[in-house]
Amino acid sequence: MKNAAEIALAEFQNPNIQLLIKDDGGSPQGAQQVTQEALGEGVEIVLGPLFAASVPATAQLTRARSIPVIAFSTDSSIAGRGVYLLSFLPESDVNRIVDYSASIGKRSFAALLPDNAYGNVVEAAFKQAVGRKGRIVAFEKYTADRAGAARTVAQSLGSADALFIADDGESVVAAADALTAAGANLRNIQLLGTGLWDNPRVYASATLQGGLYAAPDPSGFRAFSGRYRTKYGTDPVRTATLAYDAVALVA
């Protein structure tokens, strides 16, 4: 994200912007400490933090000085006065994929979700979206052990048109494998996911072929990736574009 921010600064050639990079250590305490530092150095806008728990710690200090914050968290509940989010919101992915599924005739949904902060946001959005378009016939959340949850969902798949699995690439593949091991035939059901499926591990999985997921159009990211590779000799992570866009917005 730091590299991407520096690319944006170079491309916009705006001499009136100075970028101060601060490491919050991924913690609310770290965020508060470096925000205090940055405010002492006369900062006029804060880009970040990345994690939801750190954003209120930063906002507590920036609001008192009317300094705007553009954070990168996917938790929409932390947006508010002077705090804006530039991120891929799970709710958008969920609404789009459920609406699309309903438009192609899917009415009965099963879901297998991680029992974590991301899973909680996705769960709320999924239950609301399906409530408008159809019904949920099976719903389970898993921690490290997916096998038990997968078995319960596998038993109910006969009455489902679509199966929603929302997790990152590694975990989606593991969840699909656990369902197959539990006797589920995933070729007979429409698989659905979120933008986290935008991952080489998912594309390489034979089990997940034919699945559908909602994500931004990849053409802009491909163009950005080419410029990033030229400058740094390595591929950017998907979220690097958020830092690029934030600096572009400021410029």
C-alpha atoms as a PDB file:
ATOM      1  CA  MET A   1       0.000   0.000   0.000  1.00  0.00           C
ATOM      2  CA  LYS A   2       2.919   2.336   0.721  1.00  0.00           C
ATOM      3  CA  ASN A   3       4.425   1.511  -2.694  1.00  0.00           C
ATOM      4  CA  ALA A   4       1.069   2.123  -4.398  1.00  0.00           C
ATOM      5  CA  ALA A   5       0.679   5.482  -2.627  1.00  0.00           C
ATOM      6  CA  GLU A   6       4.119   6.497  -3.894  1.00  0.00           C
ATOM      7  CA  ILE A   7       3.224   5.487  -7.468  1.00  0.00           C
ATOM      8  CA  ALA A   8       0.120   7.706  -7.298  1.00  0.00           C
ATOM      9  CA  LEU A   9       2.164  10.620  -5.978  1.00  0.00           C
ATOM     10  CA  ALA A  10       4.687  10.237  -8.814  1.00  0.00           C
ATOM     11  CA  GLU A  11       1.981   9.914 -11.494  1.00  0.00           C
ATOM     12  CA  PHE A  12       0.026  12.968 -10.383  1.00  0.00           C
ATOM     13  CA  GLN A  13       3.191  15.076 -10.149  1.00  0.00           C
ATOM     14  CA  ASN A  14       1.579  17.341  -7.601  1.00  0.00           C
ATOM     15  CA  PRO A  15       4.326  19.297  -5.826  1.00  0.00           C
ATOM     16  CA  ASN A  16       1.945  20.436  -3.065  1.00  0.00           C
ATOM     17  CA  ILE A  17       1.557  16.998  -1.479  1.00  0.00           C
ATOM     18  CA  GLN A  18       3.942  15.503   1.021  1.00  0.00           C
ATOM     19  CA  LEU A  19       3.365  11.882   2.023  1.00  0.00           C
ATOM     20  CA  LEU A  20       4.245  10.929   5.611  1.00  0.00           C
ATOM     21  CA  ILE A  21       4.342   7.156   6.154  1.00  0.00           C
ATOM     22  CA  LYS A  22       3.536   5.986   9.686  1.00  0.00           C
ATOM     23  CA  ASP A  23       3.497   2.378  10.951  1.00  0.00           C
ATOM     24  CA  ASP A  24       0.590   1.786  13.361  1.00  0.00           C
ATOM     25  CA  GLY A  25       1.750  -1.783  14.073  1.00  0.00           C
ATOM     26  CA  GLY A  26      -1.769  -3.029  13.286  1.00  0.00           C
ATOM     27  CA  SER A  27      -3.062  -2.044  16.741  1.00  0.00           C
ATOM     28  CA  PRO A  28      -5.364   0.692  18.132  1.00  0.00           C
ATOM     29  CA  GLN A  29      -2.599   1.794  20.543  1.00  0.00           C
ATOM     30  CA  GLY A  30      -0.133   2.091  17.661  1.00  0.00           C
ATOM     31  CA  ALA A  31      -2.680   3.990  15.566  1.00  0.00           C
ATOM     32  CA  GLN A  32      -3.285   6.484  18.366  1.00  0.00           C
ATOM     33  CA  GLN A  33       0.427   7.014  18.898  1.00  0.00           C
ATOM     34  CA  VAL A  34       1.303   7.658  15.236  1.00  0.00           C
ATOM     35  CA  THR A  35      -1.818   9.788  14.690  1.00  0.00           C
ATOM     36  CA  GLN A  36      -0.664  12.007  17.567  1.00  0.00           C
ATOM     37  CA  GLU A  37       2.778  12.212  15.925  1.00  0.00           C
ATOM     38  CA  ALA A  38       1.312  13.056  12.526  1.00  0.00           C
ATOM     39  CA  LEU A  39      -0.944  15.766  13.962  1.00  0.00           C
ATOM     40  CA  GLY A  40       2.119  17.251  15.665  1.00  0.00           C
ATOM     41  CA  GLU A  41       3.783  17.367  12.245  1.00  0.00           C
ATOM     42  CA  GLY A  42       0.880  19.360  10.783  1.00  0.00           C
ATOM     43  CA  VAL A  43      -0.847  16.641   8.760  1.00  0.00           C
ATOM     44  CA  GLU A  44      -4.006  17.798   6.917  1.00  0.00           C
ATOM     45  CA  ILE A  45      -5.587  14.450   6.011  1.00  0.00           C
ATOM     46  CA  VAL A  46      -5.052  10.868   7.224  1.00  0.00           C
ATOM     47  CA  LEU A  47      -5.136   7.888   4.823  1.00  0.00           C
ATOM     48  CA  GLY A  48      -5.714   4.715   6.860  1.00  0.00           C
ATOM     49  CA  PRO A  49      -5.717   2.895   9.220  1.00  0.00           C
ATOM     50  CA  LEU A  50      -6.300  -0.453   7.531  1.00  0.00           C
ATOM     51  CA  PHE A  51      -7.993  -2.369  10.384  1.00  0.00           C
ATOM     52  CA  ALA A  52     -11.408  -1.557  11.866  1.00  0.00           C
ATOM     53  CA  ALA A  53     -10.279  -1.583  15.513  1.00  0.00           C
ATOM     54  CA  SER A  54      -7.652   1.090  14.832  1.00  0.00           C
ATOM     55  CA  VAL A  55      -9.932   3.579  13.057  1.00  0.00           C
ATOM     56  CA  PRO A  56     -11.826   4.889  16.152  1.00  0.00           C
ATOM     57  CA  ALA A  57      -8.477   5.330  17.950  1.00  0.00           C
ATOM     58  CA  THR A  58      -7.315   7.592  15.114  1.00  0.00           C
ATOM     59  CA  ALA A  59     -10.680   9.356  14.720  1.00  0.00           C
ATOM     60  CA  GLN A  60     -10.787  10.269  18.418  1.00  0.00           C
ATOM     61  CA  LEU A  61      -7.771  12.530  17.816  1.00  0.00           C
ATOM     62  CA  THR A  62      -8.484  13.765  14.272  1.00  0.00           C
ATOM     63  CA  ARG A  63     -12.082  14.855  14.981  1.00  0.00           C
ATOM     64  CA  ALA A  64     -10.925  17.267  17.653  1.00  0.00           C
ATOM     65  CA  ARG A  65      -8.820  19.021  14.962  1.00  0.00           C
ATOM     66  CA  SER A  66     -11.365  18.599  12.088  1.00  0.00           C
ATOM     67  CA  ILE A  67      -8.837  16.501  10.133  1.00  0.00           C
ATOM     68  CA  PRO A  68     -10.571  14.084   7.714  1.00  0.00           C
ATOM     69  CA  VAL A  69      -9.720  10.370   7.720  1.00  0.00           C
ATOM     70  CA  ILE A  70      -9.988   8.067   4.694  1.00  0.00           C
ATOM     71  CA  ALA A  71      -9.675   4.580   6.200  1.00  0.00           C
ATOM     72  CA  PHE A  72      -9.357   1.242   4.360  1.00  0.00           C
ATOM     73  CA  SER A  73     -11.412  -0.999   6.676  1.00  0.00           C
ATOM     74  CA  THR A  74     -14.281  -3.098   5.275  1.00  0.00           C
ATOM     75  CA  ASP A  75     -16.413  -2.507   8.407  1.00  0.00           C
ATOM     76  CA  SER A  76     -19.000   0.119   7.394  1.00  0.00           C
ATOM     77  CA  SER A  77     -20.110   0.628  11.023  1.00  0.00           C
ATOM     78  CA  ILE A  78     -16.961   2.661  11.801  1.00  0.00           C
ATOM     79  CA  ALA A  79     -17.646   5.310   9.125  1.00  0.00           C
ATOM     80  CA  GLY A  80     -19.042   8.536  10.522  1.00  0.00           C
ATOM     81  CA  ARG A  81     -18.386  12.212  11.089  1.00  0.00           C
ATOM     82  CA  GLY A  82     -15.055  12.989   9.415  1.00  0.00           C
ATOM     83  CA  VAL A  83     -14.287   9.291   8.814  1.00  0.00           C
ATOM     84  CA  TYR A  84     -14.770   7.936   5.298  1.00  0.00           C
ATOM     85  CA  LEU A  85     -14.104   4.439   3.972  1.00  0.00           C
ATOM     86  CA  LEU A  86     -12.356   3.612   0.723  1.00  0.00           C
ATOM     87  CA  SER A  87     -12.603  -0.184   0.606  1.00  0.00           C
ATOM     88  CA  PHE A  88     -14.326  -3.209  -0.891  1.00  0.00           C
ATOM     89  CA  LEU A  89     -17.401  -3.536   1.337  1.00  0.00           C
ATOM     90  CA  PRO A  90     -18.587  -7.136   1.854  1.00  0.00           C
ATOM     91  CA  GLU A  91     -22.220  -5.919   1.904  1.00  0.00           C
ATOM     92  CA  SER A  92     -21.878  -4.738  -1.710  1.00  0.00           C
ATOM     93  CA  ASP A  93     -20.520  -8.141  -2.792  1.00  0.00           C
ATOM     94  CA  VAL A  94     -23.279 -10.017  -0.978  1.00  0.00           C
ATOM     95  CA  ASN A  95     -26.153  -7.884  -2.286  1.00  0.00           C
ATOM     96  CA  ARG A  96     -24.869  -8.079  -5.840  1.00  0.00           C
ATOM     97  CA  ILE A  97     -24.333 -11.857  -5.890  1.00  0.00           C
ATOM     98  CA  VAL A  98     -27.670 -12.644  -4.197  1.00  0.00           C
ATOM     99  CA  ASP A  99     -29.566 -10.294  -6.534  1.00  0.00           C
ATOM    100  CA  TYR A 100     -27.848 -11.821  -9.567  1.00  0.00           C
ATOM    101  CA  SER A 101     -28.569 -15.380  -8.367  1.00  0.00           C
ATOM    102  CA  ALA A 102     -32.245 -14.533  -7.882  1.00  0.00           C
ATOM    103  CA  SER A 103     -32.335 -13.067 -11.404  1.00  0.00           C
ATOM    104  CA  ILE A 104     -31.228 -16.454 -12.828  1.00  0.00           C
ATOM    105  CA  GLY A 105     -33.882 -18.321 -10.832  1.00  0.00           C
ATOM    106  CA  LYS A 106     -32.123 -19.268  -7.575  1.00  0.00           C
ATOM    107  CA  ARG A 107     -34.478 -19.096  -4.589  1.00  0.00           C
ATOM    108  CA  SER A 108     -33.204 -21.517  -1.905  1.00  0.00           C
ATOM    109  CA  PHE A 109     -29.800 -20.691  -0.399  1.00  0.00           C
ATOM    110  CA  ALA A 110     -27.340 -22.552   1.817  1.00  0.00           C
ATOM    111  CA  ALA A 111     -24.326 -20.818   3.375  1.00  0.00           C
ATOM    112  CA  LEU A 112     -21.033 -21.800   4.981  1.00  0.00           C
ATOM    113  CA  LEU A 113     -19.222 -18.833   6.558  1.00  0.00           C
ATOM    114  CA  PRO A 114     -16.190 -18.221   8.797  1.00  0.00           C
ATOM    115  CA  ASP A 115     -16.914 -17.379  12.437  1.00  0.00           C
ATOM    116  CA  ASN A 116     -14.941 -14.105  12.490  1.00  0.00           C
ATOM    117  CA  ALA A 117     -15.474 -10.354  11.999  1.00  0.00           C
ATOM    118  CA  TYR A 118     -15.723 -10.701   8.194  1.00  0.00           C
ATOM    119  CA  GLY A 119     -18.146 -13.623   8.544  1.00  0.00           C
ATOM    120  CA  ASN A 120     -20.357 -11.596  10.906  1.00  0.00           C
ATOM    121  CA  VAL A 121     -20.678  -8.687   8.456  1.00  0.00           C
ATOM    122  CA  VAL A 122     -21.353 -11.086   5.580  1.00  0.00           C
ATOM    123  CA  GLU A 123     -23.917 -13.035   7.639  1.00  0.00           C
ATOM    124  CA  ALA A 124     -25.997  -9.924   8.387  1.00  0.00           C
ATOM    125  CA  ALA A 125     -25.928  -8.812   4.730  1.00  0.00           C
ATOM    126  CA  PHE A 126     -26.665 -12.329   3.426  1.00  0.00           C
ATOM    127  CA  LYS A 127     -29.681 -12.900   5.692  1.00  0.00           C
ATOM    128  CA  GLN A 128     -31.103  -9.521   4.737  1.00  0.00           C
ATOM    129  CA  ALA A 129     -30.503  -9.973   0.981  1.00  0.00           C
ATOM    130  CA  VAL A 130     -31.900 -13.519   0.863  1.00  0.00           C
ATOM    131  CA  GLY A 131     -34.897 -12.393   2.958  1.00  0.00           C
ATOM    132  CA  ARG A 132     -35.857 -10.134   0.045  1.00  0.00           C
ATOM    133  CA  LYS A 133     -35.280 -12.718  -2.696  1.00  0.00           C
ATOM    134  CA  GLY A 134     -35.822 -16.231  -1.349  1.00  0.00           C
ATOM    135  CA  ARG A 135     -35.116 -18.410   1.697  1.00  0.00           C
ATOM    136  CA  ILE A 136     -32.188 -19.914   3.598  1.00  0.00           C
ATOM    137  CA  VAL A 137     -32.373 -23.724   3.891  1.00  0.00           C
ATOM    138  CA  ALA A 138     -29.011 -24.272   5.625  1.00  0.00           C
ATOM    139  CA  PHE A 139     -26.627 -21.935   7.440  1.00  0.00           C
ATOM    140  CA  GLU A 140     -23.452 -22.814   9.358  1.00  0.00           C
ATOM    141  CA  LYS A 141     -20.354 -20.986  10.585  1.00  0.00           C
ATOM    142  CA  TYR A 142     -16.982 -22.608  11.201  1.00  0.00           C
ATOM    143  CA  THR A 143     -13.797 -21.892  13.127  1.00  0.00           C
ATOM    144  CA  ALA A 144     -10.573 -23.812  12.402  1.00  0.00           C
ATOM    145  CA  ASP A 145     -12.485 -27.114  12.139  1.00  0.00           C
ATOM    146  CA  ARG A 146     -14.660 -26.905   9.037  1.00  0.00           C
ATOM    147  CA  ALA A 147     -15.626 -30.592   8.931  1.00  0.00           C
ATOM    148  CA  GLY A 148     -18.571 -30.452  11.373  1.00  0.00           C
ATOM    149  CA  ALA A 149     -20.153 -27.370   9.791  1.00  0.00           C
ATOM    150  CA  ALA A 150     -19.563 -28.820   6.301  1.00  0.00           C
ATOM    151  CA  ARG A 151     -21.348 -32.072   7.268  1.00  0.00           C
ATOM    152  CA  THR A 152     -24.417 -30.184   8.530  1.00  0.00           C
ATOM    153  CA  VAL A 153     -24.631 -28.065   5.351  1.00  0.00           C
ATOM    154  CA  ALA A 154     -23.974 -31.079   3.081  1.00  0.00           C
ATOM    155  CA  GLN A 155     -27.040 -32.848   4.537  1.00  0.00           C
ATOM    156  CA  SER A 156     -29.340 -29.982   3.512  1.00  0.00           C
ATOM    157  CA  LEU A 157     -28.010 -29.274   0.018  1.00  0.00           C
ATOM    158  CA  GLY A 158     -30.716 -31.379  -1.637  1.00  0.00           C
ATOM    159  CA  SER A 159     -33.228 -28.584  -1.042  1.00  0.00           C
ATOM    160  CA  ALA A 160     -30.882 -25.686  -2.047  1.00  0.00           C
ATOM    161  CA  ASP A 161     -30.418 -24.029  -5.459  1.00  0.00           C
ATOM    162  CA  ALA A 162     -27.264 -22.152  -4.448  1.00  0.00           C
ATOM    163  CA  LEU A 163     -24.444 -22.461  -1.911  1.00  0.00           C
ATOM    164  CA  PHE A 164     -22.711 -19.337  -0.625  1.00  0.00           C
ATOM    165  CA  ILE A 165     -19.135 -19.669   0.731  1.00  0.00           C
ATOM    166  CA  ALA A 166     -17.534 -16.374   1.782  1.00  0.00           C
ATOM    167  CA  ASP A 167     -13.885 -16.557   2.782  1.00  0.00           C
ATOM    168  CA  ASP A 168     -10.421 -15.895   1.358  1.00  0.00           C
ATOM    169  CA  GLY A 169      -8.859 -18.073  -1.346  1.00  0.00           C
ATOM    170  CA  GLU A 170      -7.146 -20.675   0.856  1.00  0.00           C
ATOM    171  CA  SER A 171     -10.182 -21.090   3.112  1.00  0.00           C
ATOM    172  CA  VAL A 172     -12.761 -21.233   0.296  1.00  0.00           C
ATOM    173  CA  VAL A 173     -10.857 -24.136  -1.266  1.00  0.00           C
ATOM    174  CA  ALA A 174     -10.610 -25.879   2.137  1.00  0.00           C
ATOM    175  CA  ALA A 175     -14.356 -25.357   2.756  1.00  0.00           C
ATOM    176  CA  ALA A 176     -15.250 -26.789  -0.672  1.00  0.00           C
ATOM    177  CA  ASP A 177     -12.985 -29.794  -0.003  1.00  0.00           C
ATOM    178  CA  ALA A 178     -14.627 -30.332   3.401  1.00  0.00           C
ATOM    179  CA  LEU A 179     -18.088 -30.290   1.771  1.00  0.00           C
ATOM    180  CA  THR A 180     -16.965 -32.811  -0.862  1.00  0.00           C
ATOM    181  CA  ALA A 181     -15.493 -35.025   1.880  1.00  0.00           C
ATOM    182  CA  ALA A 182     -18.868 -34.823   3.670  1.00  0.00           C
ATOM    183  CA  GLY A 183     -20.554 -36.253   0.560  1.00  0.00           C
ATOM    184  CA  ALA A 184     -21.795 -33.061  -1.104  1.00  0.00           C
ATOM    185  CA  ASN A 185     -21.902 -33.046  -4.911  1.00  0.00           C
ATOM    186  CA  LEU A 186     -20.977 -29.420  -5.673  1.00  0.00           C
ATOM    187  CA  ARG A 187     -21.460 -29.929  -9.412  1.00  0.00           C
ATOM    188  CA  ASN A 188     -25.234 -29.992  -8.851  1.00  0.00           C
ATOM    189  CA  ILE A 189     -25.485 -26.620  -7.131  1.00  0.00           C
ATOM    190  CA  GLN A 190     -24.653 -23.031  -8.040  1.00  0.00           C
ATOM    191  CA  LEU A 191     -21.635 -21.936  -5.962  1.00  0.00           C
ATOM    192  CA  LEU A 192     -21.517 -18.278  -4.884  1.00  0.00           C
ATOM    193  CA  GLY A 193     -18.830 -16.124  -3.289  1.00  0.00           C
ATOM    194  CA  THR A 194     -17.589 -12.606  -2.549  1.00  0.00           C
ATOM    195  CA  GLY A 195     -14.704 -10.563  -3.963  1.00  0.00           C
ATOM    196  CA  LEU A 196     -12.286 -12.557  -1.765  1.00  0.00           C
ATOM    197  CA  TRP A 197     -12.650 -15.315  -4.409  1.00  0.00           C
ATOM    198  CA  ASP A 198     -10.554 -13.145  -6.719  1.00  0.00           C
ATOM    199  CA  ASN A 199      -7.556 -15.364  -5.970  1.00  0.00           C
ATOM    200  CA  PRO A 200      -5.349 -17.774  -7.987  1.00  0.00           C
ATOM    201  CA  ARG A 201      -6.045 -20.591  -5.475  1.00  0.00           C
ATOM    202  CA  VAL A 202      -9.763 -20.364  -6.231  1.00  0.00           C
ATOM    203  CA  TYR A 203      -9.209 -20.359 -10.020  1.00  0.00           C
ATOM    204  CA  ALA A 204      -6.994 -23.447  -9.703  1.00  0.00           C
ATOM    205  CA  SER A 205      -9.558 -25.448  -7.703  1.00  0.00           C
ATOM    206  CA  ALA A 206     -11.424 -28.028  -9.811  1.00  0.00           C
ATOM    207  CA  THR A 207     -14.228 -28.118  -7.203  1.00  0.00           C
ATOM    208  CA  LEU A 208     -15.023 -24.400  -7.533  1.00  0.00           C
ATOM    209  CA  GLN A 209     -15.237 -24.228 -11.343  1.00  0.00           C
ATOM    210  CA  GLY A 210     -18.519 -22.620 -12.445  1.00  0.00           C
ATOM    211  CA  GLY A 211     -18.829 -20.632  -9.220  1.00  0.00           C
ATOM    212  CA  LEU A 212     -19.937 -16.999  -9.349  1.00  0.00           C
ATOM    213  CA  TYR A 213     -18.643 -14.096  -7.275  1.00  0.00           C
ATOM    214  CA  ALA A 214     -19.057 -10.340  -7.241  1.00  0.00           C
ATOM    215  CA  ALA A 215     -15.976  -8.128  -7.558  1.00  0.00           C
ATOM    216  CA  PRO A 216     -14.840  -4.896  -9.219  1.00  0.00           C
ATOM    217  CA  ASP A 217     -14.020  -5.012 -12.951  1.00  0.00           C
ATOM    218  CA  PRO A 218     -10.422  -6.318 -13.062  1.00  0.00           C
ATOM    219  CA  SER A 219      -9.252  -4.227 -16.062  1.00  0.00           C
ATOM    220  CA  GLY A 220      -8.206  -1.225 -13.935  1.00  0.00           C
ATOM    221  CA  PHE A 221      -6.308  -3.492 -11.554  1.00  0.00           C
ATOM    222  CA  ARG A 222      -4.493  -5.209 -14.449  1.00  0.00           C
ATOM    223  CA  ALA A 223      -3.303  -1.841 -15.771  1.00  0.00           C
ATOM    224  CA  PHE A 224      -2.180  -0.772 -12.284  1.00  0.00           C
ATOM    225  CA  SER A 225      -0.413  -4.137 -11.715  1.00  0.00           C
ATOM    226  CA  GLY A 226       1.636  -3.641 -14.881  1.00  0.00           C
ATOM    227  CA  ARG A 227       2.876  -0.230 -13.711  1.00  0.00           C
ATOM    228  CA  TYR A 228       3.547  -1.599 -10.213  1.00  0.00           C
ATOM    229  CA  ARG A 229       5.571  -4.557 -11.585  1.00  0.00           C
ATOM    230  CA  THR A 230       7.631  -2.228 -13.781  1.00  0.00           C
ATOM    231  CA  LYS A 231       8.557  -0.087 -10.760  1.00  0.00           C
ATOM    232  CA  TYR A 232       8.964  -2.714  -8.013  1.00  0.00           C
ATOM    233  CA  GLY A 233       9.536  -6.025  -9.866  1.00  0.00           C
ATOM    234  CA  THR A 234       6.774  -7.824  -7.953  1.00  0.00           C
ATOM    235  CA  ASP A 235       2.973  -8.182  -8.076  1.00  0.00           C
ATOM    236  CA  PRO A 236       0.782  -5.933  -5.882  1.00  0.00           C
ATOM    237  CA  VAL A 237      -1.908  -7.284  -3.548  1.00  0.00           C
ATOM    238  CA  ARG A 238      -5.462  -6.320  -4.539  1.00  0.00           C
ATOM    239  CA  THR A 239      -5.868  -3.854  -1.655  1.00  0.00           C
ATOM    240  CA  ALA A 240      -2.804  -1.854  -2.801  1.00  0.00           C
ATOM    241  CA  THR A 241      -5.148  -0.075  -5.229  1.00  0.00           C
ATOM    242  CA  LEU A 242      -6.999   1.473  -2.287  1.00  0.00           C
ATOM    243  CA  ALA A 243      -3.894   3.387  -1.225  1.00  0.00           C
ATOM    244  CA  TYR A 244      -3.292   4.408  -4.842  1.00  0.00           C
ATOM    245  CA  ASP A 245      -6.882   5.675  -5.179  1.00  0.00           C
ATOM    246  CA  ALA A 246      -6.728   7.523  -1.853  1.00  0.00           C
ATOM    247  CA  VAL A 247      -3.592   9.458  -2.838  1.00  0.00           C
ATOM    248  CA  ALA A 248      -5.047  10.083  -6.328  1.00  0.00           C
ATOM    249  CA  LEU A 249      -8.173  11.469  -4.655  1.00  0.00           C
ATOM    250  CA  VAL A 250      -6.108  13.817  -2.483  1.00  0.00           C
ATOM    251  CA  ALA A 251      -4.051  14.909  -5.509  1.00  0.00           C
END
